[in-house]
Amino acid sequence: MNNNSYLAELESRSIYIIREAYHKYRDNLAILWSMGKDSTSLVQLVRKAFFGDVPIPVIHIDTTFKFRQIYEFRYKYAKKWKLRLIIAKNDIALKKGISPEKGRFNCCAALKTEALKQVVNKHKFKALLVAIRRDEHAIRAKERYFSLRDNEFRWNYQKQPLELWAEYYKAEEKAGAHLRIHPLLHWQEIDVWRYIKQERLPVVSLYFAQKGRRYRSIGCECCCQPVESTANSITKIIKEIRDTSIAERSGRSQDKEKEYMMQKLRSLGYM
């Protein structure tokens, strides 16, 4: 199978999931958009699923600690793609001075998970499209395409239903619960970059090497470190990923990336 047919198959499966989610939850569905390569690819898949339109709101969880380039990208492409952008912040936590310097676990819980709770409750969303992939992290590999969260946003990773491909899993809906829907779960990092190249998608400039370093994963500026790299184009990034054995999220804050810590964060509602 060549790259074009392989990407077409990945795209087709993702669009199927997106359309099923929209059919079920159209008035209570939103997309999480971090401006990273994966969530930007997800926005593109939604655009393709609905012939250039994005018929559901797009949420950006803004910790206020993101890279300047992320905010510039958000402004430009939210406007260009005519997105119904919702910017979610936990203003109460920010006023209390919650920050990465006071502990990254508490910071993520307050500025990401709690901010997400607030925006979901405010807008009464029942389902969220999220651009996580199984190959990103050992804990994300435990996920399902349709993953139930309870009314406290908790994920019971030890008690998940069996999943059959191409079968829409209808979770037992509980009061206040919502679904996380993962259309990119079957993709790999290199697939995303090949898709970005094929679709000529824009990405945040931080992904491209400058002075021998680039970011493979982006988020809050204080929690990300660049990796050594000379890959200053998408073609070179694809070659680098193909040849490397270094983990994609190796530049992220290591205390947060440890399996136990990531599992704890995700079980409490982290993306």
C-alpha atoms as a PDB file:
ATOM      1  CA  MET A   1       0.000   0.000   0.000  1.00  0.00           C
ATOM      2  CA  ASN A   2       1.485   3.368  -1.003  1.00  0.00           C
ATOM      3  CA  ASN A   3       1.418   6.433   1.221  1.00  0.00           C
ATOM      4  CA  ASN A   4      -1.506   8.028  -0.612  1.00  0.00           C
ATOM      5  CA  SER A   5      -3.824   5.030  -0.233  1.00  0.00           C
ATOM      6  CA  TYR A   6      -2.638   4.469   3.344  1.00  0.00           C
ATOM      7  CA  LEU A   7      -3.417   8.081   4.302  1.00  0.00           C
ATOM      8  CA  ALA A   8      -6.748   7.861   2.470  1.00  0.00           C
ATOM      9  CA  GLU A   9      -7.670   4.862   4.628  1.00  0.00           C
ATOM     10  CA  LEU A  10      -6.674   6.666   7.837  1.00  0.00           C
ATOM     11  CA  GLU A  11      -8.627   9.726   6.748  1.00  0.00           C
ATOM     12  CA  SER A  12     -11.698   7.675   5.827  1.00  0.00           C
ATOM     13  CA  ARG A  13     -11.836   5.964   9.228  1.00  0.00           C
ATOM     14  CA  SER A  14     -11.445   9.283  11.035  1.00  0.00           C
ATOM     15  CA  ILE A  15     -14.124  11.006   8.978  1.00  0.00           C
ATOM     16  CA  TYR A  16     -16.476   8.087   9.649  1.00  0.00           C
ATOM     17  CA  ILE A  17     -16.000   8.561  13.408  1.00  0.00           C
ATOM     18  CA  ILE A  18     -16.446  12.340  13.128  1.00  0.00           C
ATOM     19  CA  ARG A  19     -19.686  12.004  11.174  1.00  0.00           C
ATOM     20  CA  GLU A  20     -21.058   9.388  13.564  1.00  0.00           C
ATOM     21  CA  ALA A  21     -20.266  11.701  16.486  1.00  0.00           C
ATOM     22  CA  TYR A  22     -21.959  14.617  14.734  1.00  0.00           C
ATOM     23  CA  HIS A  23     -25.027  12.516  13.915  1.00  0.00           C
ATOM     24  CA  LYS A  24     -25.390  11.585  17.579  1.00  0.00           C
ATOM     25  CA  TYR A  25     -24.373  14.830  19.317  1.00  0.00           C
ATOM     26  CA  ARG A  26     -24.529  17.629  16.751  1.00  0.00           C
ATOM     27  CA  ASP A  27     -25.964  20.250  19.120  1.00  0.00           C
ATOM     28  CA  ASN A  28     -23.746  19.240  22.034  1.00  0.00           C
ATOM     29  CA  LEU A  29     -20.430  18.478  20.291  1.00  0.00           C
ATOM     30  CA  ALA A  30     -17.190  20.486  20.219  1.00  0.00           C
ATOM     31  CA  ILE A  31     -13.560  20.089  19.108  1.00  0.00           C
ATOM     32  CA  LEU A  32     -10.528  20.638  21.329  1.00  0.00           C
ATOM     33  CA  TRP A  33      -7.883  22.612  19.419  1.00  0.00           C
ATOM     34  CA  SER A  34      -4.477  23.167  21.004  1.00  0.00           C
ATOM     35  CA  MET A  35      -2.902  24.541  17.778  1.00  0.00           C
ATOM     36  CA  GLY A  36      -0.604  21.514  17.799  1.00  0.00           C
ATOM     37  CA  LYS A  37      -0.086  19.429  14.657  1.00  0.00           C
ATOM     38  CA  ASP A  38      -2.544  16.719  15.724  1.00  0.00           C
ATOM     39  CA  SER A  39      -5.478  18.943  16.650  1.00  0.00           C
ATOM     40  CA  THR A  40      -4.912  21.093  13.554  1.00  0.00           C
ATOM     41  CA  SER A  41      -5.097  17.894  11.498  1.00  0.00           C
ATOM     42  CA  LEU A  42      -8.330  17.046  13.348  1.00  0.00           C
ATOM     43  CA  VAL A  43      -9.812  20.431  12.427  1.00  0.00           C
ATOM     44  CA  GLN A  44      -8.878  19.709   8.795  1.00  0.00           C
ATOM     45  CA  LEU A  45     -10.570  16.296   8.982  1.00  0.00           C
ATOM     46  CA  VAL A  46     -13.732  17.968  10.285  1.00  0.00           C
ATOM     47  CA  ARG A  47     -13.537  20.467   7.439  1.00  0.00           C
ATOM     48  CA  LYS A  48     -13.266  17.610   4.940  1.00  0.00           C
ATOM     49  CA  ALA A  49     -16.088  15.687   6.611  1.00  0.00           C
ATOM     50  CA  PHE A  50     -18.399  18.669   6.110  1.00  0.00           C
ATOM     51  CA  PHE A  51     -17.152  19.989   2.768  1.00  0.00           C
ATOM     52  CA  GLY A  52     -15.060  22.876   4.036  1.00  0.00           C
ATOM     53  CA  ASP A  53     -17.273  23.882   6.937  1.00  0.00           C
ATOM     54  CA  VAL A  54     -16.727  23.353  10.669  1.00  0.00           C
ATOM     55  CA  PRO A  55     -20.308  23.124  11.964  1.00  0.00           C
ATOM     56  CA  ILE A  56     -19.409  22.756  15.650  1.00  0.00           C
ATOM     57  CA  PRO A  57     -17.584  24.988  18.157  1.00  0.00           C
ATOM     58  CA  VAL A  58     -13.816  24.784  18.586  1.00  0.00           C
ATOM     59  CA  ILE A  59     -12.414  25.062  22.130  1.00  0.00           C
ATOM     60  CA  HIS A  60      -8.943  26.266  23.043  1.00  0.00           C
ATOM     61  CA  ILE A  61      -7.948  25.603  26.660  1.00  0.00           C
ATOM     62  CA  ASP A  62      -5.807  28.668  27.356  1.00  0.00           C
ATOM     63  CA  THR A  63      -3.528  28.380  30.369  1.00  0.00           C
ATOM     64  CA  THR A  64      -2.008  31.791  29.465  1.00  0.00           C
ATOM     65  CA  PHE A  65       1.422  30.074  29.478  1.00  0.00           C
ATOM     66  CA  LYS A  66       1.416  29.066  25.809  1.00  0.00           C
ATOM     67  CA  PHE A  67       4.062  30.082  23.298  1.00  0.00           C
ATOM     68  CA  ARG A  68       3.550  33.422  21.569  1.00  0.00           C
ATOM     69  CA  GLN A  69       3.561  31.568  18.226  1.00  0.00           C
ATOM     70  CA  ILE A  70       0.567  29.494  19.340  1.00  0.00           C
ATOM     71  CA  TYR A  71      -1.513  32.595  20.030  1.00  0.00           C
ATOM     72  CA  GLU A  72      -0.530  34.099  16.675  1.00  0.00           C
ATOM     73  CA  PHE A  73      -1.510  30.863  14.921  1.00  0.00           C
ATOM     74  CA  ARG A  74      -4.831  30.756  16.763  1.00  0.00           C
ATOM     75  CA  TYR A  75      -5.750  34.285  15.763  1.00  0.00           C
ATOM     76  CA  LYS A  76      -4.815  33.808  12.112  1.00  0.00           C
ATOM     77  CA  TYR A  77      -6.459  30.453  11.405  1.00  0.00           C
ATOM     78  CA  ALA A  78      -9.537  30.805  13.569  1.00  0.00           C
ATOM     79  CA  LYS A  79     -10.305  33.816  11.407  1.00  0.00           C
ATOM     80  CA  LYS A  80      -9.252  32.246   8.094  1.00  0.00           C
ATOM     81  CA  TRP A  81     -11.224  29.021   8.675  1.00  0.00           C
ATOM     82  CA  LYS A  82     -14.204  30.901  10.185  1.00  0.00           C
ATOM     83  CA  LEU A  83     -14.159  28.825  13.351  1.00  0.00           C
ATOM     84  CA  ARG A  84     -16.582  29.369  16.207  1.00  0.00           C
ATOM     85  CA  LEU A  85     -13.762  29.651  18.704  1.00  0.00           C
ATOM     86  CA  ILE A  86     -14.358  29.357  22.443  1.00  0.00           C
ATOM     87  CA  ILE A  87     -11.381  30.327  24.596  1.00  0.00           C
ATOM     88  CA  ALA A  88     -11.564  28.603  27.972  1.00  0.00           C
ATOM     89  CA  LYS A  89      -9.592  29.875  30.988  1.00  0.00           C
ATOM     90  CA  ASN A  90      -9.814  29.114  34.666  1.00  0.00           C
ATOM     91  CA  ASP A  91      -9.781  32.745  35.767  1.00  0.00           C
ATOM     92  CA  ILE A  92     -10.255  31.872  39.444  1.00  0.00           C
ATOM     93  CA  ALA A  93      -7.112  29.711  39.501  1.00  0.00           C
ATOM     94  CA  LEU A  94      -5.130  32.303  37.553  1.00  0.00           C
ATOM     95  CA  LYS A  95      -6.123  34.998  40.051  1.00  0.00           C
ATOM     96  CA  LYS A  96      -4.928  32.721  42.845  1.00  0.00           C
ATOM     97  CA  GLY A  97      -1.538  32.562  41.168  1.00  0.00           C
ATOM     98  CA  ILE A  98      -1.632  28.922  40.029  1.00  0.00           C
ATOM     99  CA  SER A  99       1.364  28.392  37.749  1.00  0.00           C
ATOM    100  CA  PRO A 100       3.862  25.688  36.681  1.00  0.00           C
ATOM    101  CA  GLU A 101       6.369  27.005  39.209  1.00  0.00           C
ATOM    102  CA  LYS A 102       4.000  25.944  42.011  1.00  0.00           C
ATOM    103  CA  GLY A 103       3.768  22.362  40.755  1.00  0.00           C
ATOM    104  CA  ARG A 104       3.037  21.084  37.275  1.00  0.00           C
ATOM    105  CA  PHE A 105       0.487  18.485  38.377  1.00  0.00           C
ATOM    106  CA  ASN A 106      -1.634  21.087  40.182  1.00  0.00           C
ATOM    107  CA  CYS A 107      -1.137  23.531  37.330  1.00  0.00           C
ATOM    108  CA  CYS A 108      -2.375  21.066  34.690  1.00  0.00           C
ATOM    109  CA  ALA A 109      -5.290  20.021  36.885  1.00  0.00           C
ATOM    110  CA  ALA A 110      -6.381  23.622  37.522  1.00  0.00           C
ATOM    111  CA  LEU A 111      -5.596  25.378  34.241  1.00  0.00           C
ATOM    112  CA  LYS A 112      -6.427  22.555  31.832  1.00  0.00           C
ATOM    113  CA  THR A 113      -8.761  19.995  33.406  1.00  0.00           C
ATOM    114  CA  GLU A 114     -10.758  22.441  35.530  1.00  0.00           C
ATOM    115  CA  ALA A 115     -10.938  24.958  32.674  1.00  0.00           C
ATOM    116  CA  LEU A 116     -12.321  22.179  30.471  1.00  0.00           C
ATOM    117  CA  LYS A 117     -14.907  21.262  33.126  1.00  0.00           C
ATOM    118  CA  GLN A 118     -16.044  24.860  33.289  1.00  0.00           C
ATOM    119  CA  VAL A 119     -16.491  25.273  29.542  1.00  0.00           C
ATOM    120  CA  VAL A 120     -18.222  21.886  29.114  1.00  0.00           C
ATOM    121  CA  ASN A 121     -20.663  22.650  31.924  1.00  0.00           C
ATOM    122  CA  LYS A 122     -21.290  26.195  30.729  1.00  0.00           C
ATOM    123  CA  HIS A 123     -22.119  25.160  27.149  1.00  0.00           C
ATOM    124  CA  LYS A 124     -23.640  21.770  28.086  1.00  0.00           C
ATOM    125  CA  PHE A 125     -21.422  19.786  25.744  1.00  0.00           C
ATOM    126  CA  LYS A 126     -22.066  16.037  25.747  1.00  0.00           C
ATOM    127  CA  ALA A 127     -19.145  14.990  23.559  1.00  0.00           C
ATOM    128  CA  LEU A 128     -15.691  16.297  22.632  1.00  0.00           C
ATOM    129  CA  LEU A 129     -13.536  15.485  19.621  1.00  0.00           C
ATOM    130  CA  VAL A 130      -9.943  15.146  20.866  1.00  0.00           C
ATOM    131  CA  ALA A 131      -6.801  14.567  18.766  1.00  0.00           C
ATOM    132  CA  ILE A 132      -4.902  12.080  20.909  1.00  0.00           C
ATOM    133  CA  ARG A 133      -3.091   9.097  19.357  1.00  0.00           C
ATOM    134  CA  ARG A 134      -2.297   5.703  20.860  1.00  0.00           C
ATOM    135  CA  ASP A 135       1.399   5.942  19.976  1.00  0.00           C
ATOM    136  CA  GLU A 136       1.933   9.205  21.878  1.00  0.00           C
ATOM    137  CA  HIS A 137       2.139   7.758  25.359  1.00  0.00           C
ATOM    138  CA  ALA A 138       1.663   4.383  27.071  1.00  0.00           C
ATOM    139  CA  ILE A 139      -1.343   5.720  28.983  1.00  0.00           C
ATOM    140  CA  ARG A 140      -3.063   7.065  25.878  1.00  0.00           C
ATOM    141  CA  ALA A 141      -2.640   3.612  24.340  1.00  0.00           C
ATOM    142  CA  LYS A 142      -5.312   2.412  26.803  1.00  0.00           C
ATOM    143  CA  GLU A 143      -7.946   4.686  25.287  1.00  0.00           C
ATOM    144  CA  ARG A 144     -11.016   3.843  23.209  1.00  0.00           C
ATOM    145  CA  TYR A 145     -12.421   5.739  20.232  1.00  0.00           C
ATOM    146  CA  PHE A 146     -15.510   6.539  22.318  1.00  0.00           C
ATOM    147  CA  SER A 147     -14.401   7.017  25.923  1.00  0.00           C
ATOM    148  CA  LEU A 148     -16.856   7.842  28.682  1.00  0.00           C
ATOM    149  CA  ARG A 149     -16.104  10.359  31.432  1.00  0.00           C
ATOM    150  CA  ASP A 150     -18.294  10.509  34.525  1.00  0.00           C
ATOM    151  CA  ASN A 151     -19.956  13.584  35.977  1.00  0.00           C
ATOM    152  CA  GLU A 152     -16.671  14.494  37.703  1.00  0.00           C
ATOM    153  CA  PHE A 153     -14.802  14.090  34.377  1.00  0.00           C
ATOM    154  CA  ARG A 154     -13.016  10.976  35.683  1.00  0.00           C
ATOM    155  CA  TRP A 155     -11.873   8.216  33.327  1.00  0.00           C
ATOM    156  CA  ASN A 156     -12.142   4.656  34.625  1.00  0.00           C
ATOM    157  CA  TYR A 157      -9.316   3.148  32.555  1.00  0.00           C
ATOM    158  CA  GLN A 158      -9.623  -0.175  34.418  1.00  0.00           C
ATOM    159  CA  LYS A 159     -13.241  -0.715  33.398  1.00  0.00           C
ATOM    160  CA  GLN A 160     -13.711   0.024  29.716  1.00  0.00           C
ATOM    161  CA  PRO A 161     -16.028  -1.722  27.273  1.00  0.00           C
ATOM    162  CA  LEU A 162     -14.839  -4.034  24.528  1.00  0.00           C
ATOM    163  CA  GLU A 163     -14.516  -2.243  21.222  1.00  0.00           C
ATOM    164  CA  LEU A 164     -15.177  -3.570  17.744  1.00  0.00           C
ATOM    165  CA  TRP A 165     -13.945  -1.479  14.806  1.00  0.00           C
ATOM    166  CA  ALA A 166     -16.661   0.117  12.661  1.00  0.00           C
ATOM    167  CA  GLU A 167     -19.235  -0.405  15.408  1.00  0.00           C
ATOM    168  CA  TYR A 168     -20.514   2.733  17.094  1.00  0.00           C
ATOM    169  CA  TYR A 169     -20.148   2.240  20.820  1.00  0.00           C
ATOM    170  CA  LYS A 170     -23.130   3.741  22.599  1.00  0.00           C
ATOM    171  CA  ALA A 171     -22.039   4.359  26.153  1.00  0.00           C
ATOM    172  CA  GLU A 172     -24.429   4.193  29.063  1.00  0.00           C
ATOM    173  CA  GLU A 173     -25.180   7.861  29.519  1.00  0.00           C
ATOM    174  CA  LYS A 174     -25.099   9.090  33.071  1.00  0.00           C
ATOM    175  CA  ALA A 175     -26.243  12.416  34.440  1.00  0.00           C
ATOM    176  CA  GLY A 176     -23.550  14.958  33.654  1.00  0.00           C
ATOM    177  CA  ALA A 177     -21.273  12.458  31.859  1.00  0.00           C
ATOM    178  CA  HIS A 178     -19.688  13.176  28.492  1.00  0.00           C
ATOM    179  CA  LEU A 179     -17.797  11.268  25.833  1.00  0.00           C
ATOM    180  CA  ARG A 180     -14.268  11.892  24.632  1.00  0.00           C
ATOM    181  CA  ILE A 181     -14.147  10.898  20.965  1.00  0.00           C
ATOM    182  CA  HIS A 182     -10.724  10.191  19.443  1.00  0.00           C
ATOM    183  CA  PRO A 183     -10.792  10.151  15.620  1.00  0.00           C
ATOM    184  CA  LEU A 184      -6.969  10.070  15.351  1.00  0.00           C
ATOM    185  CA  LEU A 185      -6.426   7.211  17.780  1.00  0.00           C
ATOM    186  CA  HIS A 186      -5.186   4.863  15.035  1.00  0.00           C
ATOM    187  CA  TRP A 187      -2.723   7.385  13.548  1.00  0.00           C
ATOM    188  CA  GLN A 188       1.019   7.616  14.271  1.00  0.00           C
ATOM    189  CA  GLU A 189       3.206  10.703  14.506  1.00  0.00           C
ATOM    190  CA  ILE A 190       4.687  10.146  11.058  1.00  0.00           C
ATOM    191  CA  ASP A 191       1.188   9.712   9.584  1.00  0.00           C
ATOM    192  CA  VAL A 192       0.190  13.129  10.887  1.00  0.00           C
ATOM    193  CA  TRP A 193       3.200  14.764   9.267  1.00  0.00           C
ATOM    194  CA  ARG A 194       2.595  12.962   5.970  1.00  0.00           C
ATOM    195  CA  TYR A 195      -1.005  14.148   6.103  1.00  0.00           C
ATOM    196  CA  ILE A 196       0.082  17.714   6.829  1.00  0.00           C
ATOM    197  CA  LYS A 197       2.352  17.545   3.785  1.00  0.00           C
ATOM    198  CA  GLN A 198      -0.352  16.043   1.585  1.00  0.00           C
ATOM    199  CA  GLU A 199      -3.004  18.555   2.678  1.00  0.00           C
ATOM    200  CA  ARG A 200      -0.543  21.477   2.759  1.00  0.00           C
ATOM    201  CA  LEU A 201      -1.682  22.302   6.257  1.00  0.00           C
ATOM    202  CA  PRO A 202      -0.143  25.164   8.214  1.00  0.00           C
ATOM    203  CA  VAL A 203       1.612  24.344  11.488  1.00  0.00           C
ATOM    204  CA  VAL A 204       3.124  26.458  14.247  1.00  0.00           C
ATOM    205  CA  SER A 205       6.662  27.507  13.282  1.00  0.00           C
ATOM    206  CA  LEU A 206       8.121  25.996  16.478  1.00  0.00           C
ATOM    207  CA  TYR A 207       8.046  22.571  14.817  1.00  0.00           C
ATOM    208  CA  PHE A 208      10.771  23.620  12.373  1.00  0.00           C
ATOM    209  CA  ALA A 209      14.430  23.602  13.380  1.00  0.00           C
ATOM    210  CA  GLN A 210      16.238  26.838  14.108  1.00  0.00           C
ATOM    211  CA  LYS A 211      19.877  26.898  15.196  1.00  0.00           C
ATOM    212  CA  GLY A 212      19.966  23.106  15.467  1.00  0.00           C
ATOM    213  CA  ARG A 213      16.872  22.632  17.643  1.00  0.00           C
ATOM    214  CA  ARG A 214      13.109  22.240  17.186  1.00  0.00           C
ATOM    215  CA  TYR A 215       9.996  21.267  19.157  1.00  0.00           C
ATOM    216  CA  ARG A 216       8.394  17.898  18.440  1.00  0.00           C
ATOM    217  CA  SER A 217       5.561  18.519  20.873  1.00  0.00           C
ATOM    218  CA  ILE A 218       4.206  21.923  21.882  1.00  0.00           C
ATOM    219  CA  GLY A 219       2.067  23.177  24.740  1.00  0.00           C
ATOM    220  CA  CYS A 220       2.842  25.531  27.605  1.00  0.00           C
ATOM    221  CA  GLU A 221       6.172  27.244  27.039  1.00  0.00           C
ATOM    222  CA  CYS A 222       7.496  26.397  30.494  1.00  0.00           C
ATOM    223  CA  CYS A 223       6.802  22.664  30.064  1.00  0.00           C
ATOM    224  CA  CYS A 224       8.383  22.120  26.633  1.00  0.00           C
ATOM    225  CA  GLN A 225      11.990  21.806  25.583  1.00  0.00           C
ATOM    226  CA  PRO A 226      13.328  21.637  22.020  1.00  0.00           C
ATOM    227  CA  VAL A 227      15.199  18.591  20.771  1.00  0.00           C
ATOM    228  CA  GLU A 228      18.359  18.598  18.682  1.00  0.00           C
ATOM    229  CA  SER A 229      17.371  18.685  15.040  1.00  0.00           C
ATOM    230  CA  THR A 230      18.197  20.161  11.638  1.00  0.00           C
ATOM    231  CA  ALA A 231      14.727  19.370  10.237  1.00  0.00           C
ATOM    232  CA  ASN A 232      13.537  22.726   8.915  1.00  0.00           C
ATOM    233  CA  SER A 233      10.923  21.420   6.474  1.00  0.00           C
ATOM    234  CA  ILE A 234       8.081  18.903   6.604  1.00  0.00           C
ATOM    235  CA  THR A 235       9.991  16.518   4.324  1.00  0.00           C
ATOM    236  CA  LYS A 236      12.977  16.596   6.676  1.00  0.00           C
ATOM    237  CA  ILE A 237      10.744  16.151   9.734  1.00  0.00           C
ATOM    238  CA  ILE A 238       9.229  13.013   8.178  1.00  0.00           C
ATOM    239  CA  LYS A 239      12.690  11.600   7.493  1.00  0.00           C
ATOM    240  CA  GLU A 240      13.859  12.456  11.018  1.00  0.00           C
ATOM    241  CA  ILE A 241      10.863  10.718  12.629  1.00  0.00           C
ATOM    242  CA  ARG A 242      11.338   7.673  10.422  1.00  0.00           C
ATOM    243  CA  ASP A 243      14.974   7.339  11.520  1.00  0.00           C
ATOM    244  CA  THR A 244      14.793   8.276  15.216  1.00  0.00           C
ATOM    245  CA  SER A 245      14.207   6.162  18.319  1.00  0.00           C
ATOM    246  CA  ILE A 246      13.636   9.206  20.571  1.00  0.00           C
ATOM    247  CA  ALA A 247      10.115   9.479  22.008  1.00  0.00           C
ATOM    248  CA  GLU A 248       7.885  12.209  20.607  1.00  0.00           C
ATOM    249  CA  ARG A 249       7.130  13.754  24.021  1.00  0.00           C
ATOM    250  CA  SER A 250      10.712  13.557  25.302  1.00  0.00           C
ATOM    251  CA  GLY A 251      10.849  17.354  25.343  1.00  0.00           C
ATOM    252  CA  ARG A 252       7.846  17.661  27.656  1.00  0.00           C
ATOM    253  CA  SER A 253       8.236  18.226  31.405  1.00  0.00           C
ATOM    254  CA  GLN A 254       9.381  14.844  32.658  1.00  0.00           C
ATOM    255  CA  ASP A 255       7.591  14.877  36.011  1.00  0.00           C
ATOM    256  CA  LYS A 256       4.290  15.193  34.130  1.00  0.00           C
ATOM    257  CA  GLU A 257       5.170  12.589  31.508  1.00  0.00           C
ATOM    258  CA  LYS A 258       5.981   9.730  33.882  1.00  0.00           C
ATOM    259  CA  GLU A 259       3.450   6.955  33.350  1.00  0.00           C
ATOM    260  CA  TYR A 260       1.971   7.086  36.854  1.00  0.00           C
ATOM    261  CA  MET A 261       1.644  10.877  36.788  1.00  0.00           C
ATOM    262  CA  MET A 262       0.126  10.956  33.299  1.00  0.00           C
ATOM    263  CA  GLN A 263      -2.286   8.170  34.242  1.00  0.00           C
ATOM    264  CA  LYS A 264      -3.327  10.059  37.367  1.00  0.00           C
ATOM    265  CA  LEU A 265      -3.850  13.287  35.388  1.00  0.00           C
ATOM    266  CA  ARG A 266      -5.860  11.553  32.676  1.00  0.00           C
ATOM    267  CA  SER A 267      -7.979   9.605  35.150  1.00  0.00           C
ATOM    268  CA  LEU A 268      -9.004  12.960  36.623  1.00  0.00           C
ATOM    269  CA  GLY A 269      -9.984  14.422  33.260  1.00  0.00           C
ATOM    270  CA  TYR A 270      -6.761  15.647  31.631  1.00  0.00           C
ATOM    271  CA  MET A 271      -6.654  15.567  27.836  1.00  0.00           C
END
